[in-house]
Amino acid sequence: MASFADDVPLRATPGETWDYQTINSILFSKIIRNYAGDFNEYLKLVHEDYFYKVGIHNSFLQADASGIFIGGTFA
């Protein structure tokens, strides 16, 4: 899934417009996954640095085959 996101061209120059796309959350997840390195550190980082700080204590994360959290849905 994340490799697909890498191949999608930009629709506009960053900062010019805003448009929610699931692919944005996938790219963000890939950046975090690359930063974390180890999958367990990735889980810890997402929960402790993001979810817990905004009060999310019960969550379910779905990863694609490469271990990148999807963060959205594709129909």
N, C-alpha and C. Protein backbone atom coordinates (compact mmCIF):
# COMPACT_ATOMS: atom_id res chain seq x y z
N MET A 1 0.82 -1.18 0.00
CA MET A 1 0.00 0.00 0.00
C MET A 1 0.88 1.26 0.00
N ALA A 2 1.89 1.29 0.83
CA ALA A 2 2.74 2.48 0.90
C ALA A 2 3.53 2.68 -0.39
N SER A 3 3.93 1.59 -1.03
CA SER A 3 4.67 1.74 -2.28
C SER A 3 3.77 2.34 -3.36
N PHE A 4 2.49 2.02 -3.32
CA PHE A 4 1.53 2.63 -4.24
C PHE A 4 1.48 4.14 -3.99
N ALA A 5 1.45 4.52 -2.72
CA ALA A 5 1.36 5.94 -2.37
C ALA A 5 2.58 6.71 -2.86
N ASP A 6 3.74 6.07 -2.84
CA ASP A 6 4.97 6.72 -3.32
C ASP A 6 4.88 7.11 -4.79
N ASP A 7 4.10 6.38 -5.56
CA ASP A 7 4.04 6.59 -7.00
C ASP A 7 2.95 7.57 -7.45
N VAL A 8 2.15 8.06 -6.52
CA VAL A 8 1.07 8.98 -6.88
C VAL A 8 1.65 10.40 -7.01
N PRO A 9 1.45 11.04 -8.17
CA PRO A 9 2.00 12.39 -8.36
C PRO A 9 1.27 13.41 -7.50
N LEU A 10 1.96 14.51 -7.18
CA LEU A 10 1.34 15.60 -6.45
C LEU A 10 0.28 16.26 -7.31
N ARG A 11 -0.82 16.67 -6.68
CA ARG A 11 -1.89 17.38 -7.40
C ARG A 11 -1.65 18.87 -7.38
N ALA A 12 -0.89 19.33 -6.39
CA ALA A 12 -0.62 20.76 -6.23
C ALA A 12 0.68 20.91 -5.45
N THR A 13 1.22 22.10 -5.47
CA THR A 13 2.42 22.39 -4.69
C THR A 13 2.05 22.34 -3.21
N PRO A 14 2.85 21.65 -2.38
CA PRO A 14 2.55 21.59 -0.95
C PRO A 14 2.35 22.99 -0.37
N GLY A 15 1.29 23.16 0.42
CA GLY A 15 0.98 24.44 1.03
C GLY A 15 -0.02 25.28 0.25
N GLU A 16 -0.30 24.91 -1.00
CA GLU A 16 -1.25 25.67 -1.81
C GLU A 16 -2.70 25.31 -1.51
N THR A 17 -2.95 24.06 -1.22
CA THR A 17 -4.32 23.60 -1.03
C THR A 17 -4.34 22.47 -0.01
N TRP A 18 -5.51 22.13 0.47
CA TRP A 18 -5.67 21.03 1.41
C TRP A 18 -6.76 20.13 0.89
N ASP A 19 -6.51 18.81 0.95
CA ASP A 19 -7.48 17.83 0.49
C ASP A 19 -7.19 16.53 1.21
N TYR A 20 -8.12 16.05 2.05
CA TYR A 20 -7.88 14.80 2.76
C TYR A 20 -7.93 13.64 1.79
N GLN A 21 -6.93 12.84 1.86
CA GLN A 21 -6.87 11.60 1.09
C GLN A 21 -6.29 10.53 2.00
N THR A 22 -6.81 9.34 1.97
CA THR A 22 -6.26 8.24 2.76
C THR A 22 -4.78 8.05 2.46
N ILE A 23 -4.41 8.29 1.24
CA ILE A 23 -3.02 8.11 0.83
C ILE A 23 -2.08 9.00 1.64
N ASN A 24 -2.56 10.17 2.09
CA ASN A 24 -1.74 11.05 2.91
C ASN A 24 -1.39 10.40 4.24
N SER A 25 -2.37 9.75 4.87
CA SER A 25 -2.10 9.10 6.14
C SER A 25 -1.18 7.89 5.94
N ILE A 26 -1.26 7.23 4.80
CA ILE A 26 -0.38 6.11 4.51
C ILE A 26 1.06 6.59 4.35
N LEU A 27 1.25 7.69 3.63
CA LEU A 27 2.60 8.24 3.48
C LEU A 27 3.16 8.69 4.83
N PHE A 28 2.33 9.32 5.65
CA PHE A 28 2.76 9.74 6.98
C PHE A 28 3.14 8.52 7.81
N SER A 29 2.35 7.46 7.72
CA SER A 29 2.66 6.22 8.44
C SER A 29 3.98 5.62 7.99
N LYS A 30 4.25 5.70 6.70
CA LYS A 30 5.51 5.17 6.18
C LYS A 30 6.69 5.97 6.72
N ILE A 31 6.55 7.28 6.79
CA ILE A 31 7.61 8.12 7.34
C ILE A 31 7.88 7.74 8.79
N ILE A 32 6.81 7.60 9.57
CA ILE A 32 6.96 7.22 10.98
C ILE A 32 7.59 5.83 11.10
N ARG A 33 7.15 4.90 10.25
CA ARG A 33 7.68 3.52 10.28
C ARG A 33 9.18 3.54 9.97
N ASN A 34 9.59 4.30 8.98
CA ASN A 34 11.01 4.39 8.64
C ASN A 34 11.81 5.03 9.78
N TYR A 35 11.23 6.02 10.43
CA TYR A 35 11.89 6.68 11.55
C TYR A 35 12.07 5.72 12.73
N ALA A 36 11.02 4.96 13.02
CA ALA A 36 11.04 4.05 14.18
C ALA A 36 11.98 2.88 13.98
N GLY A 37 12.12 2.41 12.74
CA GLY A 37 12.97 1.25 12.47
C GLY A 37 12.29 -0.06 12.83
N ASP A 38 12.40 -0.48 14.05
CA ASP A 38 11.83 -1.73 14.55
C ASP A 38 10.30 -1.63 14.66
N PHE A 39 9.58 -2.71 14.30
CA PHE A 39 8.12 -2.67 14.32
C PHE A 39 7.58 -2.41 15.72
N ASN A 40 8.18 -2.99 16.75
CA ASN A 40 7.71 -2.77 18.12
C ASN A 40 7.91 -1.31 18.54
N GLU A 41 9.00 -0.71 18.10
CA GLU A 41 9.21 0.72 18.37
C GLU A 41 8.17 1.56 17.63
N TYR A 42 7.80 1.12 16.44
CA TYR A 42 6.77 1.78 15.65
C TYR A 42 5.45 1.78 16.41
N LEU A 43 5.06 0.62 16.93
CA LEU A 43 3.83 0.52 17.72
C LEU A 43 3.88 1.44 18.94
N LYS A 44 4.99 1.39 19.65
CA LYS A 44 5.17 2.21 20.84
C LYS A 44 5.09 3.69 20.50
N LEU A 45 5.76 4.09 19.44
CA LEU A 45 5.77 5.49 19.02
C LEU A 45 4.37 5.98 18.69
N VAL A 46 3.64 5.22 17.90
CA VAL A 46 2.29 5.62 17.50
C VAL A 46 1.39 5.76 18.71
N HIS A 47 1.44 4.78 19.61
CA HIS A 47 0.56 4.85 20.78
C HIS A 47 0.98 5.93 21.77
N GLU A 48 2.24 5.91 22.19
CA GLU A 48 2.67 6.83 23.24
C GLU A 48 2.81 8.27 22.78
N ASP A 49 3.30 8.49 21.58
CA ASP A 49 3.54 9.86 21.13
C ASP A 49 2.34 10.50 20.42
N TYR A 50 1.40 9.70 19.99
CA TYR A 50 0.25 10.25 19.28
C TYR A 50 -1.06 9.94 19.98
N PHE A 51 -1.44 8.69 20.03
CA PHE A 51 -2.75 8.33 20.56
C PHE A 51 -2.93 8.73 22.02
N TYR A 52 -2.02 8.31 22.88
CA TYR A 52 -2.16 8.58 24.32
C TYR A 52 -2.22 10.07 24.61
N LYS A 53 -1.47 10.87 23.88
CA LYS A 53 -1.43 12.31 24.12
C LYS A 53 -2.75 13.01 23.81
N VAL A 54 -3.57 12.39 22.96
CA VAL A 54 -4.87 12.99 22.65
C VAL A 54 -6.03 12.21 23.29
N GLY A 55 -5.68 11.33 24.22
CA GLY A 55 -6.70 10.61 24.98
C GLY A 55 -7.23 9.33 24.35
N ILE A 56 -6.57 8.83 23.33
CA ILE A 56 -6.99 7.57 22.71
C ILE A 56 -6.24 6.43 23.39
N HIS A 57 -6.97 5.62 24.16
CA HIS A 57 -6.34 4.54 24.92
C HIS A 57 -6.76 3.16 24.45
N ASN A 58 -7.75 3.09 23.60
CA ASN A 58 -8.20 1.82 23.02
C ASN A 58 -8.29 2.01 21.52
N SER A 59 -7.41 1.36 20.80
CA SER A 59 -7.40 1.53 19.35
C SER A 59 -7.03 0.22 18.66
N PHE A 60 -7.36 0.15 17.40
CA PHE A 60 -7.01 -1.00 16.57
C PHE A 60 -6.31 -0.45 15.34
N LEU A 61 -5.10 -0.92 15.11
CA LEU A 61 -4.34 -0.47 13.95
C LEU A 61 -4.23 -1.60 12.95
N GLN A 62 -4.45 -1.30 11.70
CA GLN A 62 -4.35 -2.29 10.64
C GLN A 62 -3.17 -1.93 9.76
N ALA A 63 -2.28 -2.91 9.56
CA ALA A 63 -1.09 -2.69 8.72
C ALA A 63 -1.25 -3.42 7.39
N ASP A 64 -0.58 -2.88 6.38
CA ASP A 64 -0.55 -3.58 5.09
C ASP A 64 0.52 -4.67 5.16
N ALA A 65 0.76 -5.34 4.07
CA ALA A 65 1.69 -6.48 4.04
C ALA A 65 3.13 -6.08 4.38
N SER A 66 3.47 -4.80 4.18
CA SER A 66 4.83 -4.37 4.47
C SER A 66 4.98 -3.82 5.89
N GLY A 67 3.89 -3.84 6.68
CA GLY A 67 3.95 -3.38 8.06
C GLY A 67 3.68 -1.91 8.25
N ILE A 68 3.12 -1.25 7.24
CA ILE A 68 2.79 0.17 7.34
C ILE A 68 1.31 0.28 7.73
N PHE A 69 1.02 1.05 8.78
CA PHE A 69 -0.37 1.23 9.18
C PHE A 69 -1.13 1.95 8.08
N ILE A 70 -2.31 1.47 7.79
CA ILE A 70 -3.09 1.99 6.69
C ILE A 70 -3.68 3.36 7.03
N GLY A 71 -4.25 3.53 8.20
CA GLY A 71 -4.74 4.85 8.65
C GLY A 71 -5.91 5.38 7.86
N GLY A 72 -6.60 4.57 7.15
CA GLY A 72 -7.76 5.00 6.38
C GLY A 72 -8.39 3.76 5.78
N THR A 73 -9.15 3.96 4.74
CA THR A 73 -9.81 2.83 4.12
C THR A 73 -9.85 2.99 2.61
N PHE A 74 -9.76 1.90 1.94
CA PHE A 74 -9.91 1.86 0.49
C PHE A 74 -11.08 0.97 0.18
N ALA A 75 -12.00 1.41 -0.65
CA ALA A 75 -13.16 0.60 -1.00
C ALA A 75 -12.86 -0.28 -2.19
